[in-house]
Amino acid sequence: MLYALMGEDTPNSLEKRLAARPAHLARLQALADAGRLLLAGPMPAIDSPDPGPAGFVGSLIVAEFASQAEAEAWIAQDPYVADGVFASTVVRPFKRVLP
């Protein structure tokens, strides 16, 4: 089943985010290589594709997992959690309708 994994950034976490990004992307690439990643990306803090020093307020990942517990365990091990980028995470079942 698909799950939406959402992380909310801690304030002023841009430096931490940039430092943890390579490890974070490697985990996402592993999901993509397994054909389990639908989409992933950050949410800019301002209305711009490149928010510069304003940074980001969080991230959204939609991926396939065997269960919600597995999705929760996956996000709990993410470098953005371990390195203090995310202040909190939420995992919800997701039903794709379009496209």
PDB file of N, CA and C in Angstrom:
ATOM      1  N   MET A   1       0.841  -1.175   0.000  1.00  0.00           N
ATOM      2  CA  MET A   1       0.000   0.000   0.000  1.00  0.00           C
ATOM      3  C   MET A   1       0.886   1.238   0.000  1.00  0.00           C
ATOM      4  N   LEU A   2       0.345   2.322  -0.544  1.00  0.00           N
ATOM      5  CA  LEU A   2       1.065   3.591  -0.522  1.00  0.00           C
ATOM      6  C   LEU A   2       0.846   4.307   0.804  1.00  0.00           C
ATOM      7  N   TYR A   3       1.881   5.045   1.225  1.00  0.00           N
ATOM      8  CA  TYR A   3       1.824   5.847   2.447  1.00  0.00           C
ATOM      9  C   TYR A   3       2.428   7.212   2.177  1.00  0.00           C
ATOM     10  N   ALA A   4       1.826   8.245   2.748  1.00  0.00           N
ATOM     11  CA  ALA A   4       2.383   9.594   2.725  1.00  0.00           C
ATOM     12  C   ALA A   4       3.181   9.777   4.004  1.00  0.00           C
ATOM     13  N   LEU A   5       4.458  10.063   3.857  1.00  0.00           N
ATOM     14  CA  LEU A   5       5.346  10.302   4.989  1.00  0.00           C
ATOM     15  C   LEU A   5       5.671  11.788   4.972  1.00  0.00           C
ATOM     16  N   MET A   6       5.321  12.485   6.029  1.00  0.00           N
ATOM     17  CA  MET A   6       5.525  13.923   6.090  1.00  0.00           C
ATOM     18  C   MET A   6       6.414  14.266   7.270  1.00  0.00           C
ATOM     19  N   GLY A   7       7.404  15.100   6.997  1.00  0.00           N
ATOM     20  CA  GLY A   7       8.281  15.574   8.054  1.00  0.00           C
ATOM     21  C   GLY A   7       8.177  17.081   8.145  1.00  0.00           C
ATOM     22  N   GLU A   8       8.089  17.579   9.369  1.00  0.00           N
ATOM     23  CA  GLU A   8       8.055  19.023   9.604  1.00  0.00           C
ATOM     24  C   GLU A   8       9.420  19.442  10.141  1.00  0.00           C
ATOM     25  N   ASP A   9      10.033  20.422   9.487  1.00  0.00           N
ATOM     26  CA  ASP A   9      11.376  20.858   9.872  1.00  0.00           C
ATOM     27  C   ASP A   9      11.378  21.629  11.189  1.00  0.00           C
ATOM     28  N   THR A  10      12.490  21.494  11.903  1.00  0.00           N
ATOM     29  CA  THR A  10      12.732  22.360  13.055  1.00  0.00           C
ATOM     30  C   THR A  10      13.060  23.743  12.507  1.00  0.00           C
ATOM     31  N   PRO A  11      12.848  24.794  13.285  1.00  0.00           N
ATOM     32  CA  PRO A  11      13.204  26.133  12.816  1.00  0.00           C
ATOM     33  C   PRO A  11      14.708  26.226  12.518  1.00  0.00           C
ATOM     34  N   ASN A  12      15.046  26.981  11.501  1.00  0.00           N
ATOM     35  CA  ASN A  12      16.444  27.250  11.140  1.00  0.00           C
ATOM     36  C   ASN A  12      17.259  25.977  10.923  1.00  0.00           C
ATOM     37  N   SER A  13      16.668  25.005  10.229  1.00  0.00           N
ATOM     38  CA  SER A  13      17.332  23.709  10.044  1.00  0.00           C
ATOM     39  C   SER A  13      18.025  23.568   8.688  1.00  0.00           C
ATOM     40  N   LEU A  14      18.146  24.650   7.932  1.00  0.00           N
ATOM     41  CA  LEU A  14      18.680  24.538   6.579  1.00  0.00           C
ATOM     42  C   LEU A  14      20.087  23.936   6.553  1.00  0.00           C
ATOM     43  N   GLU A  15      20.983  24.366   7.438  1.00  0.00           N
ATOM     44  CA  GLU A  15      22.341  23.805   7.456  1.00  0.00           C
ATOM     45  C   GLU A  15      22.321  22.312   7.763  1.00  0.00           C
ATOM     46  N   LYS A  16      21.506  21.910   8.742  1.00  0.00           N
ATOM     47  CA  LYS A  16      21.392  20.485   9.067  1.00  0.00           C
ATOM     48  C   LYS A  16      20.824  19.703   7.887  1.00  0.00           C
ATOM     49  N   ARG A  17      19.839  20.288   7.234  1.00  0.00           N
ATOM     50  CA  ARG A  17      19.200  19.642   6.075  1.00  0.00           C
ATOM     51  C   ARG A  17      20.230  19.416   4.971  1.00  0.00           C
ATOM     52  N   LEU A  18      20.994  20.439   4.652  1.00  0.00           N
ATOM     53  CA  LEU A  18      21.983  20.320   3.587  1.00  0.00           C
ATOM     54  C   LEU A  18      23.058  19.292   3.928  1.00  0.00           C
ATOM     55  N   ALA A  19      23.453  19.225   5.187  1.00  0.00           N
ATOM     56  CA  ALA A  19      24.479  18.255   5.603  1.00  0.00           C
ATOM     57  C   ALA A  19      23.962  16.820   5.525  1.00  0.00           C
ATOM     58  N   ALA A  20      22.704  16.603   5.868  1.00  0.00           N
ATOM     59  CA  ALA A  20      22.127  15.254   5.890  1.00  0.00           C
ATOM     60  C   ALA A  20      21.558  14.834   4.537  1.00  0.00           C
ATOM     61  N   ARG A  21      21.467  15.758   3.602  1.00  0.00           N
ATOM     62  CA  ARG A  21      20.800  15.499   2.324  1.00  0.00           C
ATOM     63  C   ARG A  21      21.365  14.321   1.541  1.00  0.00           C
ATOM     64  N   PRO A  22      22.688  14.172   1.388  1.00  0.00           N
ATOM     65  CA  PRO A  22      23.180  13.025   0.611  1.00  0.00           C
ATOM     66  C   PRO A  22      22.716  11.678   1.164  1.00  0.00           C
ATOM     67  N   ALA A  23      22.759  11.499   2.464  1.00  0.00           N
ATOM     68  CA  ALA A  23      22.317  10.233   3.065  1.00  0.00           C
ATOM     69  C   ALA A  23      20.801  10.061   2.914  1.00  0.00           C
ATOM     70  N   HIS A  24      20.067  11.147   3.063  1.00  0.00           N
ATOM     71  CA  HIS A  24      18.609  11.123   2.895  1.00  0.00           C
ATOM     72  C   HIS A  24      18.259  10.712   1.461  1.00  0.00           C
ATOM     73  N   LEU A  25      18.929  11.332   0.485  1.00  0.00           N
ATOM     74  CA  LEU A  25      18.652  11.015  -0.919  1.00  0.00           C
ATOM     75  C   LEU A  25      19.040   9.589  -1.270  1.00  0.00           C
ATOM     76  N   ALA A  26      20.088   9.072  -0.656  1.00  0.00           N
ATOM     77  CA  ALA A  26      20.491   7.683  -0.912  1.00  0.00           C
ATOM     78  C   ALA A  26      19.395   6.715  -0.487  1.00  0.00           C
ATOM     79  N   ARG A  27      18.747   6.993   0.629  1.00  0.00           N
ATOM     80  CA  ARG A  27      17.646   6.123   1.077  1.00  0.00           C
ATOM     81  C   ARG A  27      16.460   6.220   0.125  1.00  0.00           C
ATOM     82  N   LEU A  28      16.174   7.435  -0.337  1.00  0.00           N
ATOM     83  CA  LEU A  28      15.087   7.610  -1.297  1.00  0.00           C
ATOM     84  C   LEU A  28      15.411   6.914  -2.616  1.00  0.00           C
ATOM     85  N   GLN A  29      16.666   6.980  -3.042  1.00  0.00           N
ATOM     86  CA  GLN A  29      17.070   6.320  -4.279  1.00  0.00           C
ATOM     87  C   GLN A  29      16.890   4.809  -4.169  1.00  0.00           C
ATOM     88  N   ALA A  30      17.154   4.260  -2.996  1.00  0.00           N
ATOM     89  CA  ALA A  30      16.945   2.822  -2.794  1.00  0.00           C
ATOM     90  C   ALA A  30      15.471   2.462  -2.965  1.00  0.00           C
ATOM     91  N   LEU A  31      14.570   3.305  -2.451  1.00  0.00           N
ATOM     92  CA  LEU A  31      13.131   3.071  -2.655  1.00  0.00           C
ATOM     93  C   LEU A  31      12.790   3.175  -4.141  1.00  0.00           C
ATOM     94  N   ALA A  32      13.351   4.175  -4.821  1.00  0.00           N
ATOM     95  CA  ALA A  32      13.085   4.357  -6.250  1.00  0.00           C
ATOM     96  C   ALA A  32      13.602   3.156  -7.044  1.00  0.00           C
ATOM     97  N   ASP A  33      14.801   2.698  -6.716  1.00  0.00           N
ATOM     98  CA  ASP A  33      15.381   1.556  -7.425  1.00  0.00           C
ATOM     99  C   ASP A  33      14.541   0.298  -7.250  1.00  0.00           C
ATOM    100  N   ALA A  34      13.858   0.198  -6.111  1.00  0.00           N
ATOM    101  CA  ALA A  34      12.990  -0.953  -5.846  1.00  0.00           C
ATOM    102  C   ALA A  34      11.599  -0.765  -6.444  1.00  0.00           C
ATOM    103  N   GLY A  35      11.374   0.374  -7.111  1.00  0.00           N
ATOM    104  CA  GLY A  35      10.074   0.645  -7.718  1.00  0.00           C
ATOM    105  C   GLY A  35       8.992   0.999  -6.715  1.00  0.00           C
ATOM    106  N   ARG A  36       9.394   1.473  -5.534  1.00  0.00           N
ATOM    107  CA  ARG A  36       8.436   1.742  -4.459  1.00  0.00           C
ATOM    108  C   ARG A  36       8.181   3.225  -4.215  1.00  0.00           C
ATOM    109  N   LEU A  37       8.913   4.120  -4.861  1.00  0.00           N
ATOM    110  CA  LEU A  37       8.788   5.553  -4.620  1.00  0.00           C
ATOM    111  C   LEU A  37       7.902   6.195  -5.673  1.00  0.00           C
ATOM    112  N   LEU A  38       6.828   6.841  -5.235  1.00  0.00           N
ATOM    113  CA  LEU A  38       5.926   7.543  -6.145  1.00  0.00           C
ATOM    114  C   LEU A  38       6.398   8.980  -6.336  1.00  0.00           C
ATOM    115  N   LEU A  39       6.724   9.661  -5.236  1.00  0.00           N
ATOM    116  CA  LEU A  39       7.238  11.029  -5.302  1.00  0.00           C
ATOM    117  C   LEU A  39       7.896  11.389  -3.980  1.00  0.00           C
ATOM    118  N   ALA A  40       8.765  12.388  -4.048  1.00  0.00           N
ATOM    119  CA  ALA A  40       9.429  12.872  -2.839  1.00  0.00           C
ATOM    120  C   ALA A  40       9.952  14.272  -3.099  1.00  0.00           C
ATOM    121  N   GLY A  41       9.902  15.105  -2.093  1.00  0.00           N
ATOM    122  CA  GLY A  41      10.467  16.435  -2.239  1.00  0.00           C
ATOM    123  C   GLY A  41      10.213  17.302  -1.030  1.00  0.00           C
ATOM    124  N   PRO A  42      10.959  18.421  -0.962  1.00  0.00           N
ATOM    125  CA  PRO A  42      10.816  19.357   0.147  1.00  0.00           C
ATOM    126  C   PRO A  42       9.717  20.374  -0.114  1.00  0.00           C
ATOM    127  N   MET A  43       9.290  21.025   0.954  1.00  0.00           N
ATOM    128  CA  MET A  43       8.299  22.098   0.872  1.00  0.00           C
ATOM    129  C   MET A  43       9.000  23.405   1.223  1.00  0.00           C
ATOM    130  N   PRO A  44       9.218  24.282   0.222  1.00  0.00           N
ATOM    131  CA  PRO A  44       9.902  25.550   0.480  1.00  0.00           C
ATOM    132  C   PRO A  44       9.142  26.417   1.485  1.00  0.00           C
ATOM    133  N   ALA A  45       9.908  27.180   2.251  1.00  0.00           N
ATOM    134  CA  ALA A  45       9.320  28.061   3.267  1.00  0.00           C
ATOM    135  C   ALA A  45       8.645  29.278   2.637  1.00  0.00           C
ATOM    136  N   ILE A  46       9.022  29.579   1.389  1.00  0.00           N
ATOM    137  CA  ILE A  46       8.406  30.700   0.673  1.00  0.00           C
ATOM    138  C   ILE A  46       7.942  30.199  -0.689  1.00  0.00           C
ATOM    139  N   ASP A  47       7.157  31.003  -1.369  1.00  0.00           N
ATOM    140  CA  ASP A  47       6.599  30.625  -2.666  1.00  0.00           C
ATOM    141  C   ASP A  47       7.658  30.773  -3.757  1.00  0.00           C
ATOM    142  N   SER A  48       8.587  29.818  -3.773  1.00  0.00           N
ATOM    143  CA  SER A  48       9.672  29.845  -4.736  1.00  0.00           C
ATOM    144  C   SER A  48      10.264  28.441  -4.852  1.00  0.00           C
ATOM    145  N   PRO A  49      10.620  28.009  -6.069  1.00  0.00           N
ATOM    146  CA  PRO A  49      11.260  26.694  -6.190  1.00  0.00           C
ATOM    147  C   PRO A  49      12.648  26.665  -5.554  1.00  0.00           C
ATOM    148  N   ASP A  50      13.287  27.832  -5.418  1.00  0.00           N
ATOM    149  CA  ASP A  50      14.578  27.937  -4.746  1.00  0.00           C
ATOM    150  C   ASP A  50      14.449  28.967  -3.629  1.00  0.00           C
ATOM    151  N   PRO A  51      14.126  28.516  -2.415  1.00  0.00           N
ATOM    152  CA  PRO A  51      13.867  29.466  -1.337  1.00  0.00           C
ATOM    153  C   PRO A  51      15.103  30.110  -0.736  1.00  0.00           C
ATOM    154  N   GLY A  52      16.289  29.712  -1.209  1.00  0.00           N
ATOM    155  CA  GLY A  52      17.517  30.301  -0.675  1.00  0.00           C
ATOM    156  C   GLY A  52      17.599  30.154   0.833  1.00  0.00           C
ATOM    157  N   PRO A  53      18.023  31.207   1.526  1.00  0.00           N
ATOM    158  CA  PRO A  53      18.206  31.104   2.974  1.00  0.00           C
ATOM    159  C   PRO A  53      16.907  30.929   3.761  1.00  0.00           C
ATOM    160  N   ALA A  54      15.749  31.142   3.117  1.00  0.00           N
ATOM    161  CA  ALA A  54      14.473  30.910   3.817  1.00  0.00           C
ATOM    162  C   ALA A  54      14.309  29.437   4.140  1.00  0.00           C
ATOM    163  N   GLY A  55      14.924  28.582   3.315  1.00  0.00           N
ATOM    164  CA  GLY A  55      14.911  27.149   3.591  1.00  0.00           C
ATOM    165  C   GLY A  55      13.585  26.470   3.320  1.00  0.00           C
ATOM    166  N   PHE A  56      13.338  25.445   4.105  1.00  0.00           N
ATOM    167  CA  PHE A  56      12.183  24.579   3.897  1.00  0.00           C
ATOM    168  C   PHE A  56      11.428  24.386   5.202  1.00  0.00           C
ATOM    169  N   VAL A  57      10.159  24.046   5.088  1.00  0.00           N
ATOM    170  CA  VAL A  57       9.337  23.794   6.279  1.00  0.00           C
ATOM    171  C   VAL A  57       9.072  22.316   6.495  1.00  0.00           C
ATOM    172  N   GLY A  58       9.446  21.499   5.515  1.00  0.00           N
ATOM    173  CA  GLY A  58       9.217  20.071   5.663  1.00  0.00           C
ATOM    174  C   GLY A  58       9.404  19.336   4.359  1.00  0.00           C
ATOM    175  N   SER A  59       9.027  18.072   4.362  1.00  0.00           N
ATOM    176  CA  SER A  59       9.158  17.222   3.183  1.00  0.00           C
ATOM    177  C   SER A  59       7.960  16.280   3.088  1.00  0.00           C
ATOM    178  N   LEU A  60       7.712  15.824   1.869  1.00  0.00           N
ATOM    179  CA  LEU A  60       6.657  14.850   1.605  1.00  0.00           C
ATOM    180  C   LEU A  60       7.245  13.713   0.783  1.00  0.00           C
ATOM    181  N   ILE A  61       6.974  12.503   1.210  1.00  0.00           N
ATOM    182  CA  ILE A  61       7.374  11.299   0.493  1.00  0.00           C
ATOM    183  C   ILE A  61       6.117  10.448   0.344  1.00  0.00           C
ATOM    184  N   VAL A  62       5.868   9.944  -0.853  1.00  0.00           N
ATOM    185  CA  VAL A  62       4.797   8.972  -1.056  1.00  0.00           C
ATOM    186  C   VAL A  62       5.462   7.722  -1.616  1.00  0.00           C
ATOM    187  N   ALA A  63       5.355   6.637  -0.862  1.00  0.00           N
ATOM    188  CA  ALA A  63       6.043   5.401  -1.246  1.00  0.00           C
ATOM    189  C   ALA A  63       5.244   4.185  -0.799  1.00  0.00           C
ATOM    190  N   GLU A  64       5.590   3.067  -1.384  1.00  0.00           N
ATOM    191  CA  GLU A  64       4.919   1.804  -1.066  1.00  0.00           C
ATOM    192  C   GLU A  64       5.661   1.076   0.058  1.00  0.00           C
ATOM    193  N   PHE A  65       4.882   0.650   1.036  1.00  0.00           N
ATOM    194  CA  PHE A  65       5.395  -0.154   2.146  1.00  0.00           C
ATOM    195  C   PHE A  65       4.400  -1.273   2.415  1.00  0.00           C
ATOM    196  N   ALA A  66       4.861  -2.323   3.064  1.00  0.00           N
ATOM    197  CA  ALA A  66       3.996  -3.462   3.375  1.00  0.00           C
ATOM    198  C   ALA A  66       2.945  -3.105   4.425  1.00  0.00           C
ATOM    199  N   SER A  67       3.256  -2.123   5.279  1.00  0.00           N
ATOM    200  CA  SER A  67       2.329  -1.733   6.337  1.00  0.00           C
ATOM    201  C   SER A  67       2.679  -0.334   6.830  1.00  0.00           C
ATOM    202  N   GLN A  68       1.760   0.253   7.571  1.00  0.00           N
ATOM    203  CA  GLN A  68       2.022   1.562   8.158  1.00  0.00           C
ATOM    204  C   GLN A  68       3.183   1.471   9.150  1.00  0.00           C
ATOM    205  N   ALA A  69       3.240   0.370   9.889  1.00  0.00           N
ATOM    206  CA  ALA A  69       4.337   0.188  10.844  1.00  0.00           C
ATOM    207  C   ALA A  69       5.687   0.183  10.122  1.00  0.00           C
ATOM    208  N   GLU A  70       5.755  -0.447   8.950  1.00  0.00           N
ATOM    209  CA  GLU A  70       7.001  -0.464   8.186  1.00  0.00           C
ATOM    210  C   GLU A  70       7.364   0.936   7.696  1.00  0.00           C
ATOM    211  N   ALA A  71       6.364   1.688   7.243  1.00  0.00           N
ATOM    212  CA  ALA A  71       6.609   3.065   6.805  1.00  0.00           C
ATOM    213  C   ALA A  71       7.081   3.928   7.973  1.00  0.00           C
ATOM    214  N   GLU A  72       6.469   3.758   9.128  1.00  0.00           N
ATOM    215  CA  GLU A  72       6.876   4.522  10.313  1.00  0.00           C
ATOM    216  C   GLU A  72       8.299   4.168  10.732  1.00  0.00           C
ATOM    217  N   ALA A  73       8.652   2.893  10.647  1.00  0.00           N
ATOM    218  CA  ALA A  73      10.012   2.469  10.991  1.00  0.00           C
ATOM    219  C   ALA A  73      11.010   3.039   9.986  1.00  0.00           C
ATOM    220  N   TRP A  74      10.634   3.087   8.715  1.00  0.00           N
ATOM    221  CA  TRP A  74      11.525   3.618   7.694  1.00  0.00           C
ATOM    222  C   TRP A  74      11.824   5.094   7.950  1.00  0.00           C
ATOM    223  N   ILE A  75      10.789   5.891   8.178  1.00  0.00           N
ATOM    224  CA  ILE A  75      11.016   7.329   8.393  1.00  0.00           C
ATOM    225  C   ILE A  75      11.752   7.576   9.704  1.00  0.00           C
ATOM    226  N   ALA A  76      11.544   6.749  10.693  1.00  0.00           N
ATOM    227  CA  ALA A  76      12.240   6.922  11.976  1.00  0.00           C
ATOM    228  C   ALA A  76      13.746   6.753  11.829  1.00  0.00           C
ATOM    229  N   GLN A  77      14.180   6.009  10.802  1.00  0.00           N
ATOM    230  CA  GLN A  77      15.602   5.773  10.575  1.00  0.00           C
ATOM    231  C   GLN A  77      16.212   6.770   9.579  1.00  0.00           C
ATOM    232  N   ASP A  78      15.421   7.711   9.102  1.00  0.00           N
ATOM    233  CA  ASP A  78      15.914   8.646   8.108  1.00  0.00           C
ATOM    234  C   ASP A  78      16.930   9.618   8.709  1.00  0.00           C
ATOM    235  N   PRO A  79      17.969   9.981   7.965  1.00  0.00           N
ATOM    236  CA  PRO A  79      18.954  10.941   8.460  1.00  0.00           C
ATOM    237  C   PRO A  79      18.352  12.285   8.869  1.00  0.00           C
ATOM    238  N   TYR A  80      17.269  12.705   8.238  1.00  0.00           N
ATOM    239  CA  TYR A  80      16.643  13.968   8.630  1.00  0.00           C
ATOM    240  C   TYR A  80      16.052  13.876  10.040  1.00  0.00           C
ATOM    241  N   VAL A  81      15.662  12.703  10.458  1.00  0.00           N
ATOM    242  CA  VAL A  81      15.201  12.501  11.841  1.00  0.00           C
ATOM    243  C   VAL A  81      16.414  12.433  12.764  1.00  0.00           C
ATOM    244  N   ALA A  82      17.373  11.587  12.409  1.00  0.00           N
ATOM    245  CA  ALA A  82      18.550  11.377  13.258  1.00  0.00           C
ATOM    246  C   ALA A  82      19.355  12.650  13.455  1.00  0.00           C
ATOM    247  N   ASP A  83      19.416  13.502  12.433  1.00  0.00           N
ATOM    248  CA  ASP A  83      20.238  14.707  12.507  1.00  0.00           C
ATOM    249  C   ASP A  83      19.470  15.955  12.938  1.00  0.00           C
ATOM    250  N   GLY A  84      18.221  15.789  13.343  1.00  0.00           N
ATOM    251  CA  GLY A  84      17.463  16.905  13.898  1.00  0.00           C
ATOM    252  C   GLY A  84      16.880  17.877  12.892  1.00  0.00           C
ATOM    253  N   VAL A  85      16.766  17.465  11.637  1.00  0.00           N
ATOM    254  CA  VAL A  85      16.108  18.319  10.640  1.00  0.00           C
ATOM    255  C   VAL A  85      14.605  18.320  10.888  1.00  0.00           C
ATOM    256  N   PHE A  86      14.036  17.126  11.055  1.00  0.00           N
ATOM    257  CA  PHE A  86      12.596  17.017  11.292  1.00  0.00           C
ATOM    258  C   PHE A  86      12.296  17.134  12.779  1.00  0.00           C
ATOM    259  N   ALA A  87      11.394  18.036  13.113  1.00  0.00           N
ATOM    260  CA  ALA A  87      10.904  18.149  14.488  1.00  0.00           C
ATOM    261  C   ALA A  87       9.863  17.078  14.757  1.00  0.00           C
ATOM    262  N   SER A  88       9.120  16.707  13.704  1.00  0.00           N
ATOM    263  CA  SER A  88       8.091  15.679  13.850  1.00  0.00           C
ATOM    264  C   SER A  88       7.835  15.033  12.499  1.00  0.00           C
ATOM    265  N   THR A  89       7.295  13.816  12.550  1.00  0.00           N
ATOM    266  CA  THR A  89       6.913  13.106  11.335  1.00  0.00           C
ATOM    267  C   THR A  89       5.518  12.520  11.509  1.00  0.00           C
ATOM    268  N   VAL A  90       4.852  12.345  10.383  1.00  0.00           N
ATOM    269  CA  VAL A  90       3.521  11.741  10.354  1.00  0.00           C
ATOM    270  C   VAL A  90       3.494  10.783   9.177  1.00  0.00           C
ATOM    271  N   VAL A  91       2.884   9.634   9.375  1.00  0.00           N
ATOM    272  CA  VAL A  91       2.708   8.653   8.298  1.00  0.00           C
ATOM    273  C   VAL A  91       1.224   8.356   8.187  1.00  0.00           C
ATOM    274  N   ARG A  92       0.712   8.462   6.967  1.00  0.00           N
ATOM    275  CA  ARG A  92      -0.707   8.195   6.725  1.00  0.00           C
ATOM    276  C   ARG A  92      -0.861   7.311   5.491  1.00  0.00           C
ATOM    277  N   PRO A  93      -1.831   6.400   5.511  1.00  0.00           N
ATOM    278  CA  PRO A  93      -2.135   5.650   4.290  1.00  0.00           C
ATOM    279  C   PRO A  93      -2.520   6.638   3.184  1.00  0.00           C
ATOM    280  N   PHE A  94      -2.183   6.282   1.940  1.00  0.00           N
ATOM    281  CA  PHE A  94      -2.431   7.167   0.811  1.00  0.00           C
ATOM    282  C   PHE A  94      -3.049   6.360  -0.316  1.00  0.00           C
ATOM    283  N   LYS A  95      -4.134   6.852  -0.876  1.00  0.00           N
ATOM    284  CA  LYS A  95      -4.788   6.185  -1.995  1.00  0.00           C
ATOM    285  C   LYS A  95      -4.617   7.055  -3.240  1.00  0.00           C
ATOM    286  N   ARG A  96      -3.844   6.542  -4.188  1.00  0.00           N
ATOM    287  CA  ARG A  96      -3.619   7.267  -5.435  1.00  0.00           C
ATOM    288  C   ARG A  96      -4.871   7.170  -6.302  1.00  0.00           C
ATOM    289  N   VAL A  97      -5.333   8.307  -6.785  1.00  0.00           N
ATOM    290  CA  VAL A  97      -6.488   8.344  -7.685  1.00  0.00           C
ATOM    291  C   VAL A  97      -6.064   8.801  -9.077  1.00  0.00           C
ATOM    292  N   LEU A  98      -5.288   9.872  -9.161  1.00  0.00           N
ATOM    293  CA  LEU A  98      -4.829  10.401 -10.441  1.00  0.00           C
ATOM    294  C   LEU A  98      -3.349  10.744 -10.357  1.00  0.00           C
ATOM    295  N   PRO A  99      -2.588  10.807 -11.369  1.00  0.00           N
ATOM    296  CA  PRO A  99      -2.927  10.247 -12.663  1.00  0.00           C
ATOM    297  C   PRO A  99      -2.813   8.747 -12.615  1.00  0.00           C
TER     298      PRO A  99
END
